[in-house]
Amino acid sequence: MKAIKRHEALKPLSREHHEGLLLSWKIRMGLKKEVAIDRIKRYCDFFFKEDLVHHFNIEELHVFSLLEPEDELVKRALADHRKLKRLFMQKQPDMKTIVAIEEELEKHIRFEERVLFNKIQEEASEKQLLKVLELHNSNKGCNMDNWNDKFWE
């Protein structure tokens, strides 16, 4: 696949997407090593609270709004967010839930990076994109070093 040239305004979100892909990988490694589901879930909860909630808010408030609300790609992204939130917020997750988080998160990120963000870059004005950059605090994000239980190693 050809490398995608990402606008500066969307680069912080793309870096956060990379962290999300790492979460999916960590879940896969944990499952492969037969790590207890509750250990994986605690990390997922940490990631959701410290990174994903903020990330989804930025996208929903400032990025998706660069397209029409009725745009099918925006509708899909919002539906993905709702589904992922429900998965992350399950109180008694089982193997099926953890696998769904891993699969749905990766699929969603690939969609945003390969399809939705490209359309946004094509249709949004430079001024609109720079406003996203101004509003998005790229320093906000999950500090992976703050997690001691590296079950994926």
N, C-alpha and C. Protein backbone atom coordinates (compact mmCIF):
# COMPACT_ATOMS: atom_id res chain seq x y z
N MET A 1 0.84 -1.18 0.00
CA MET A 1 0.00 0.00 0.00
C MET A 1 0.89 1.24 0.00
N LYS A 2 0.54 2.19 -0.85
CA LYS A 2 1.29 3.44 -0.98
C LYS A 2 1.12 4.29 0.29
N ALA A 3 2.22 4.92 0.73
CA ALA A 3 2.18 5.78 1.92
C ALA A 3 1.23 6.96 1.68
N ILE A 4 0.50 7.30 2.71
CA ILE A 4 -0.47 8.39 2.63
C ILE A 4 0.18 9.67 3.14
N LYS A 5 0.08 10.74 2.34
CA LYS A 5 0.59 12.04 2.78
C LYS A 5 -0.49 12.69 3.63
N ARG A 6 -0.18 12.83 4.90
CA ARG A 6 -1.17 13.34 5.86
C ARG A 6 -0.95 14.83 6.09
N HIS A 7 -2.02 15.62 6.08
CA HIS A 7 -1.96 17.04 6.37
C HIS A 7 -1.49 17.22 7.82
N GLU A 8 -0.72 18.28 8.07
CA GLU A 8 -0.19 18.56 9.41
C GLU A 8 -1.27 18.53 10.49
N ALA A 9 -2.43 19.05 10.16
CA ALA A 9 -3.51 19.15 11.15
C ALA A 9 -4.01 17.78 11.60
N LEU A 10 -3.86 16.78 10.75
CA LEU A 10 -4.36 15.44 11.08
C LEU A 10 -3.26 14.52 11.60
N LYS A 11 -2.02 14.96 11.54
CA LYS A 11 -0.90 14.12 12.00
C LYS A 11 -1.00 13.73 13.48
N PRO A 12 -1.39 14.66 14.38
CA PRO A 12 -1.52 14.22 15.78
C PRO A 12 -2.56 13.11 15.95
N LEU A 13 -3.66 13.19 15.22
CA LEU A 13 -4.68 12.15 15.29
C LEU A 13 -4.15 10.84 14.69
N SER A 14 -3.36 10.95 13.63
CA SER A 14 -2.77 9.74 13.04
C SER A 14 -1.77 9.09 13.99
N ARG A 15 -1.03 9.91 14.74
CA ARG A 15 -0.12 9.33 15.75
C ARG A 15 -0.92 8.61 16.83
N GLU A 16 -2.05 9.19 17.22
CA GLU A 16 -2.91 8.53 18.19
C GLU A 16 -3.48 7.24 17.62
N HIS A 17 -3.78 7.25 16.32
CA HIS A 17 -4.24 6.02 15.67
C HIS A 17 -3.17 4.93 15.77
N HIS A 18 -1.92 5.33 15.63
CA HIS A 18 -0.83 4.35 15.78
C HIS A 18 -0.87 3.72 17.17
N GLU A 19 -1.13 4.53 18.20
CA GLU A 19 -1.23 4.01 19.56
C GLU A 19 -2.39 3.03 19.68
N GLY A 20 -3.49 3.32 18.98
CA GLY A 20 -4.64 2.41 18.97
C GLY A 20 -4.31 1.09 18.30
N LEU A 21 -3.53 1.16 17.21
CA LEU A 21 -3.10 -0.07 16.56
C LEU A 21 -2.18 -0.87 17.47
N LEU A 22 -1.37 -0.17 18.24
CA LEU A 22 -0.52 -0.87 19.23
C LEU A 22 -1.37 -1.55 20.29
N LEU A 23 -2.47 -0.92 20.70
CA LEU A 23 -3.37 -1.57 21.65
C LEU A 23 -3.90 -2.87 21.06
N SER A 24 -4.33 -2.85 19.82
CA SER A 24 -4.82 -4.07 19.18
C SER A 24 -3.75 -5.14 19.18
N TRP A 25 -2.53 -4.75 18.85
CA TRP A 25 -1.42 -5.71 18.84
C TRP A 25 -1.17 -6.27 20.24
N LYS A 26 -1.20 -5.42 21.25
CA LYS A 26 -0.98 -5.86 22.63
C LYS A 26 -2.06 -6.85 23.06
N ILE A 27 -3.29 -6.58 22.68
CA ILE A 27 -4.37 -7.52 22.99
C ILE A 27 -4.09 -8.87 22.33
N ARG A 28 -3.72 -8.84 21.04
CA ARG A 28 -3.42 -10.10 20.33
C ARG A 28 -2.30 -10.86 21.03
N MET A 29 -1.25 -10.13 21.44
CA MET A 29 -0.13 -10.79 22.12
C MET A 29 -0.58 -11.38 23.46
N GLY A 30 -1.39 -10.63 24.20
CA GLY A 30 -1.90 -11.11 25.47
C GLY A 30 -2.74 -12.37 25.30
N LEU A 31 -3.59 -12.38 24.29
CA LEU A 31 -4.41 -13.57 24.04
C LEU A 31 -3.56 -14.76 23.61
N LYS A 32 -2.56 -14.48 22.78
CA LYS A 32 -1.66 -15.55 22.33
C LYS A 32 -0.92 -16.17 23.52
N LYS A 33 -0.57 -15.35 24.49
CA LYS A 33 0.15 -15.82 25.68
C LYS A 33 -0.81 -16.34 26.76
N GLU A 34 -2.10 -16.34 26.45
CA GLU A 34 -3.13 -16.82 27.38
C GLU A 34 -3.15 -16.04 28.70
N VAL A 35 -2.95 -14.72 28.58
CA VAL A 35 -3.02 -13.82 29.73
C VAL A 35 -4.48 -13.74 30.19
N ALA A 36 -4.70 -13.63 31.48
CA ALA A 36 -6.05 -13.52 32.03
C ALA A 36 -6.76 -12.30 31.42
N ILE A 37 -8.02 -12.52 31.06
CA ILE A 37 -8.83 -11.47 30.42
C ILE A 37 -8.90 -10.21 31.28
N ASP A 38 -8.98 -10.36 32.60
CA ASP A 38 -9.10 -9.18 33.46
C ASP A 38 -7.84 -8.30 33.39
N ARG A 39 -6.67 -8.88 33.19
CA ARG A 39 -5.44 -8.08 33.04
C ARG A 39 -5.49 -7.28 31.75
N ILE A 40 -5.92 -7.92 30.68
CA ILE A 40 -6.03 -7.22 29.39
C ILE A 40 -7.10 -6.13 29.49
N LYS A 41 -8.20 -6.44 30.13
CA LYS A 41 -9.30 -5.47 30.27
C LYS A 41 -8.86 -4.25 31.08
N ARG A 42 -8.08 -4.44 32.12
CA ARG A 42 -7.61 -3.29 32.90
C ARG A 42 -6.79 -2.34 32.02
N TYR A 43 -5.96 -2.90 31.16
CA TYR A 43 -5.18 -2.06 30.26
C TYR A 43 -6.10 -1.37 29.24
N CYS A 44 -7.07 -2.10 28.73
CA CYS A 44 -8.03 -1.50 27.79
C CYS A 44 -8.77 -0.33 28.46
N ASP A 45 -9.16 -0.53 29.73
CA ASP A 45 -9.85 0.55 30.46
C ASP A 45 -8.95 1.77 30.60
N PHE A 46 -7.69 1.55 30.93
CA PHE A 46 -6.71 2.62 31.06
C PHE A 46 -6.59 3.37 29.73
N PHE A 47 -6.41 2.64 28.65
CA PHE A 47 -6.25 3.25 27.33
C PHE A 47 -7.51 4.02 26.93
N PHE A 48 -8.67 3.43 27.17
CA PHE A 48 -9.92 4.08 26.83
C PHE A 48 -10.06 5.42 27.56
N LYS A 49 -9.84 5.39 28.87
CA LYS A 49 -10.00 6.58 29.70
C LYS A 49 -8.94 7.65 29.39
N GLU A 50 -7.70 7.22 29.23
CA GLU A 50 -6.59 8.17 29.08
C GLU A 50 -6.38 8.66 27.66
N ASP A 51 -6.88 7.92 26.68
CA ASP A 51 -6.59 8.28 25.29
C ASP A 51 -7.83 8.35 24.41
N LEU A 52 -8.55 7.26 24.36
CA LEU A 52 -9.59 7.12 23.35
C LEU A 52 -10.76 8.07 23.53
N VAL A 53 -11.19 8.32 24.76
CA VAL A 53 -12.31 9.24 24.99
C VAL A 53 -11.97 10.62 24.43
N HIS A 54 -10.80 11.13 24.74
CA HIS A 54 -10.35 12.43 24.24
C HIS A 54 -10.25 12.41 22.70
N HIS A 55 -9.66 11.36 22.18
CA HIS A 55 -9.48 11.22 20.73
C HIS A 55 -10.84 11.24 20.01
N PHE A 56 -11.78 10.44 20.49
CA PHE A 56 -13.11 10.42 19.87
C PHE A 56 -13.77 11.80 19.94
N ASN A 57 -13.64 12.49 21.06
CA ASN A 57 -14.25 13.81 21.19
C ASN A 57 -13.68 14.79 20.18
N ILE A 58 -12.37 14.80 20.00
CA ILE A 58 -11.75 15.69 19.01
C ILE A 58 -12.28 15.38 17.62
N GLU A 59 -12.31 14.10 17.28
CA GLU A 59 -12.80 13.74 15.94
C GLU A 59 -14.26 14.15 15.77
N GLU A 60 -15.09 13.82 16.75
CA GLU A 60 -16.53 14.08 16.62
C GLU A 60 -16.86 15.57 16.61
N LEU A 61 -16.15 16.35 17.40
CA LEU A 61 -16.46 17.78 17.50
C LEU A 61 -15.79 18.62 16.41
N HIS A 62 -14.57 18.26 16.03
CA HIS A 62 -13.80 19.16 15.18
C HIS A 62 -13.39 18.59 13.82
N VAL A 63 -13.33 17.29 13.68
CA VAL A 63 -12.83 16.72 12.42
C VAL A 63 -13.98 16.25 11.53
N PHE A 64 -14.87 15.43 12.07
CA PHE A 64 -15.97 14.94 11.25
C PHE A 64 -16.85 16.08 10.76
N SER A 65 -16.91 17.16 11.52
CA SER A 65 -17.74 18.30 11.15
C SER A 65 -17.21 19.04 9.92
N LEU A 66 -16.04 18.68 9.45
CA LEU A 66 -15.51 19.28 8.23
C LEU A 66 -16.23 18.73 6.99
N LEU A 67 -16.96 17.64 7.16
CA LEU A 67 -17.80 17.09 6.11
C LEU A 67 -19.26 17.29 6.50
N GLU A 68 -20.14 17.04 5.59
CA GLU A 68 -21.58 17.17 5.86
C GLU A 68 -22.01 16.11 6.87
N PRO A 69 -22.92 16.45 7.78
CA PRO A 69 -23.38 15.48 8.79
C PRO A 69 -24.00 14.22 8.17
N GLU A 70 -24.55 14.35 6.98
CA GLU A 70 -25.19 13.22 6.32
C GLU A 70 -24.23 12.41 5.46
N ASP A 71 -22.97 12.78 5.46
CA ASP A 71 -21.97 12.03 4.69
C ASP A 71 -21.91 10.59 5.22
N GLU A 72 -21.95 9.63 4.32
CA GLU A 72 -21.96 8.21 4.71
C GLU A 72 -20.70 7.82 5.47
N LEU A 73 -19.57 8.41 5.15
CA LEU A 73 -18.33 8.09 5.85
C LEU A 73 -18.36 8.60 7.30
N VAL A 74 -18.93 9.77 7.48
CA VAL A 74 -19.09 10.32 8.84
C VAL A 74 -20.05 9.45 9.63
N LYS A 75 -21.15 9.06 9.01
CA LYS A 75 -22.11 8.19 9.70
C LYS A 75 -21.45 6.88 10.13
N ARG A 76 -20.63 6.32 9.24
CA ARG A 76 -19.95 5.07 9.57
C ARG A 76 -18.98 5.28 10.74
N ALA A 77 -18.20 6.36 10.70
CA ALA A 77 -17.24 6.63 11.78
C ALA A 77 -17.95 6.81 13.12
N LEU A 78 -19.05 7.53 13.12
CA LEU A 78 -19.81 7.74 14.36
C LEU A 78 -20.40 6.42 14.88
N ALA A 79 -20.88 5.60 13.97
CA ALA A 79 -21.40 4.28 14.37
C ALA A 79 -20.28 3.42 14.96
N ASP A 80 -19.10 3.48 14.34
CA ASP A 80 -17.94 2.76 14.86
C ASP A 80 -17.60 3.23 16.27
N HIS A 81 -17.61 4.53 16.49
CA HIS A 81 -17.32 5.08 17.81
C HIS A 81 -18.31 4.56 18.85
N ARG A 82 -19.59 4.57 18.50
CA ARG A 82 -20.61 4.08 19.44
C ARG A 82 -20.36 2.61 19.78
N LYS A 83 -20.07 1.82 18.77
CA LYS A 83 -19.83 0.39 18.98
C LYS A 83 -18.60 0.18 19.86
N LEU A 84 -17.54 0.89 19.57
CA LEU A 84 -16.31 0.75 20.36
C LEU A 84 -16.53 1.19 21.81
N LYS A 85 -17.24 2.29 22.00
CA LYS A 85 -17.52 2.74 23.37
C LYS A 85 -18.28 1.67 24.14
N ARG A 86 -19.27 1.06 23.50
CA ARG A 86 -20.03 -0.01 24.17
C ARG A 86 -19.12 -1.18 24.54
N LEU A 87 -18.24 -1.55 23.64
CA LEU A 87 -17.32 -2.67 23.91
C LEU A 87 -16.38 -2.34 25.07
N PHE A 88 -15.78 -1.16 25.04
CA PHE A 88 -14.84 -0.77 26.09
C PHE A 88 -15.54 -0.64 27.44
N MET A 89 -16.79 -0.25 27.45
CA MET A 89 -17.48 0.04 28.71
C MET A 89 -18.16 -1.19 29.34
N GLN A 90 -18.05 -2.34 28.70
CA GLN A 90 -18.63 -3.54 29.29
C GLN A 90 -17.94 -3.85 30.62
N LYS A 91 -18.74 -4.07 31.63
CA LYS A 91 -18.22 -4.28 32.99
C LYS A 91 -17.67 -5.69 33.19
N GLN A 92 -18.29 -6.68 32.59
CA GLN A 92 -17.87 -8.07 32.75
C GLN A 92 -17.46 -8.65 31.40
N PRO A 93 -16.34 -8.20 30.86
CA PRO A 93 -15.96 -8.66 29.52
C PRO A 93 -15.51 -10.12 29.55
N ASP A 94 -15.72 -10.77 28.44
CA ASP A 94 -15.23 -12.12 28.26
C ASP A 94 -14.27 -12.12 27.07
N MET A 95 -13.81 -13.28 26.71
CA MET A 95 -12.88 -13.40 25.58
C MET A 95 -13.47 -12.78 24.31
N LYS A 96 -14.74 -13.03 24.07
CA LYS A 96 -15.41 -12.51 22.88
C LYS A 96 -15.35 -10.98 22.83
N THR A 97 -15.56 -10.33 23.96
CA THR A 97 -15.53 -8.86 24.03
C THR A 97 -14.12 -8.34 23.74
N ILE A 98 -13.12 -8.95 24.35
CA ILE A 98 -11.74 -8.51 24.15
C ILE A 98 -11.32 -8.68 22.70
N VAL A 99 -11.70 -9.80 22.10
CA VAL A 99 -11.39 -10.03 20.68
C VAL A 99 -12.12 -8.99 19.83
N ALA A 100 -13.36 -8.67 20.16
CA ALA A 100 -14.12 -7.67 19.41
C ALA A 100 -13.47 -6.29 19.51
N ILE A 101 -12.99 -5.92 20.70
CA ILE A 101 -12.28 -4.64 20.85
C ILE A 101 -11.08 -4.62 19.91
N GLU A 102 -10.29 -5.66 19.96
CA GLU A 102 -9.07 -5.73 19.12
C GLU A 102 -9.42 -5.60 17.65
N GLU A 103 -10.39 -6.36 17.19
CA GLU A 103 -10.73 -6.38 15.76
C GLU A 103 -11.41 -5.09 15.32
N GLU A 104 -12.39 -4.63 16.09
CA GLU A 104 -13.15 -3.44 15.71
C GLU A 104 -12.29 -2.18 15.75
N LEU A 105 -11.41 -2.07 16.74
CA LEU A 105 -10.54 -0.90 16.83
C LEU A 105 -9.61 -0.84 15.63
N GLU A 106 -8.99 -1.95 15.31
CA GLU A 106 -8.08 -1.95 14.15
C GLU A 106 -8.82 -1.64 12.86
N LYS A 107 -9.97 -2.26 12.66
CA LYS A 107 -10.75 -2.01 11.44
C LYS A 107 -11.15 -0.54 11.35
N HIS A 108 -11.58 0.03 12.47
CA HIS A 108 -12.00 1.43 12.48
C HIS A 108 -10.83 2.37 12.16
N ILE A 109 -9.70 2.14 12.77
CA ILE A 109 -8.53 3.00 12.51
C ILE A 109 -8.12 2.92 11.05
N ARG A 110 -8.07 1.72 10.50
CA ARG A 110 -7.70 1.57 9.08
C ARG A 110 -8.69 2.34 8.19
N PHE A 111 -9.98 2.28 8.50
CA PHE A 111 -10.99 3.02 7.74
C PHE A 111 -10.73 4.53 7.83
N GLU A 112 -10.53 5.04 9.04
CA GLU A 112 -10.31 6.48 9.17
C GLU A 112 -9.05 6.90 8.42
N GLU A 113 -7.97 6.17 8.57
CA GLU A 113 -6.70 6.55 7.94
C GLU A 113 -6.74 6.42 6.42
N ARG A 114 -7.32 5.36 5.91
CA ARG A 114 -7.26 5.08 4.47
C ARG A 114 -8.39 5.73 3.67
N VAL A 115 -9.51 6.02 4.34
CA VAL A 115 -10.67 6.51 3.60
C VAL A 115 -11.13 7.88 4.11
N LEU A 116 -11.57 7.94 5.36
CA LEU A 116 -12.20 9.15 5.88
C LEU A 116 -11.25 10.34 5.91
N PHE A 117 -10.06 10.18 6.45
CA PHE A 117 -9.12 11.31 6.53
C PHE A 117 -8.71 11.79 5.14
N ASN A 118 -8.62 10.89 4.19
CA ASN A 118 -8.29 11.31 2.82
C ASN A 118 -9.39 12.20 2.25
N LYS A 119 -10.64 11.81 2.48
CA LYS A 119 -11.74 12.64 1.99
C LYS A 119 -11.75 14.00 2.69
N ILE A 120 -11.50 14.00 3.98
CA ILE A 120 -11.46 15.27 4.72
C ILE A 120 -10.36 16.17 4.15
N GLN A 121 -9.20 15.61 3.90
CA GLN A 121 -8.10 16.40 3.33
C GLN A 121 -8.47 16.97 1.97
N GLU A 122 -9.22 16.23 1.18
CA GLU A 122 -9.62 16.68 -0.15
C GLU A 122 -10.66 17.79 -0.10
N GLU A 123 -11.58 17.72 0.86
CA GLU A 123 -12.72 18.63 0.86
C GLU A 123 -12.60 19.82 1.81
N ALA A 124 -11.85 19.68 2.87
CA ALA A 124 -11.74 20.79 3.84
C ALA A 124 -10.78 21.85 3.33
N SER A 125 -11.03 23.08 3.73
CA SER A 125 -10.13 24.17 3.36
C SER A 125 -8.90 24.15 4.27
N GLU A 126 -7.88 24.83 3.85
CA GLU A 126 -6.66 24.94 4.66
C GLU A 126 -6.99 25.60 6.00
N LYS A 127 -7.82 26.61 5.96
CA LYS A 127 -8.21 27.32 7.19
C LYS A 127 -8.93 26.37 8.16
N GLN A 128 -9.83 25.55 7.64
CA GLN A 128 -10.55 24.59 8.49
C GLN A 128 -9.58 23.58 9.11
N LEU A 129 -8.66 23.09 8.31
CA LEU A 129 -7.70 22.10 8.81
C LEU A 129 -6.79 22.71 9.87
N LEU A 130 -6.35 23.94 9.66
CA LEU A 130 -5.49 24.59 10.64
C LEU A 130 -6.24 24.85 11.95
N LYS A 131 -7.53 25.05 11.88
CA LYS A 131 -8.34 25.22 13.09
C LYS A 131 -8.35 23.91 13.91
N VAL A 132 -8.39 22.78 13.22
CA VAL A 132 -8.32 21.48 13.90
C VAL A 132 -6.99 21.36 14.64
N LEU A 133 -5.92 21.74 13.96
CA LEU A 133 -4.59 21.68 14.57
C LEU A 133 -4.53 22.56 15.82
N GLU A 134 -5.11 23.74 15.72
CA GLU A 134 -5.13 24.67 16.85
C GLU A 134 -5.92 24.11 18.03
N LEU A 135 -7.02 23.44 17.75
CA LEU A 135 -7.90 22.92 18.81
C LEU A 135 -7.42 21.61 19.43
N HIS A 136 -6.64 20.88 18.68
CA HIS A 136 -6.21 19.57 19.17
C HIS A 136 -4.90 19.67 19.92
N ASN A 137 -4.93 19.28 21.16
CA ASN A 137 -3.72 19.27 21.98
C ASN A 137 -2.99 17.96 21.77
N SER A 138 -1.97 17.97 20.94
CA SER A 138 -1.28 16.72 20.61
C SER A 138 -0.50 16.16 21.79
N ASN A 139 -0.32 16.96 22.83
CA ASN A 139 0.37 16.44 24.02
C ASN A 139 -0.56 15.58 24.86
N LYS A 140 -1.85 15.71 24.64
CA LYS A 140 -2.80 14.87 25.37
C LYS A 140 -2.74 13.49 24.72
N GLY A 141 -2.64 12.52 25.51
CA GLY A 141 -2.60 11.17 24.97
C GLY A 141 -2.16 10.23 26.05
N CYS A 142 -2.21 9.01 25.74
CA CYS A 142 -1.93 7.96 26.70
C CYS A 142 -0.42 7.79 26.85
N ASN A 143 0.07 7.93 28.07
CA ASN A 143 1.49 7.68 28.32
C ASN A 143 1.65 6.21 28.66
N MET A 144 2.06 5.46 27.67
CA MET A 144 2.15 4.01 27.82
C MET A 144 3.14 3.61 28.92
N ASP A 145 4.10 4.47 29.20
CA ASP A 145 5.10 4.16 30.23
C ASP A 145 4.50 4.11 31.62
N ASN A 146 3.29 4.66 31.79
CA ASN A 146 2.64 4.67 33.10
C ASN A 146 1.97 3.34 33.44
N TRP A 147 2.07 2.36 32.58
CA TRP A 147 1.43 1.07 32.82
C TRP A 147 2.49 0.03 33.17
N ASN A 148 2.35 -0.54 34.36
CA ASN A 148 3.38 -1.48 34.85
C ASN A 148 3.20 -2.91 34.36
N ASP A 149 1.97 -3.35 34.14
CA ASP A 149 1.71 -4.74 33.77
C ASP A 149 1.81 -4.92 32.25
N LYS A 150 3.01 -5.18 31.80
CA LYS A 150 3.26 -5.32 30.35
C LYS A 150 3.00 -6.78 29.94
N PHE A 151 1.73 -7.17 29.98
CA PHE A 151 1.32 -8.55 29.73
C PHE A 151 1.66 -9.03 28.32
N TRP A 152 1.91 -8.13 27.40
CA TRP A 152 2.15 -8.46 26.00
C TRP A 152 3.61 -8.87 25.74
N GLU A 153 4.48 -8.61 26.71
CA GLU A 153 5.92 -8.92 26.50
C GLU A 153 6.21 -10.37 26.72
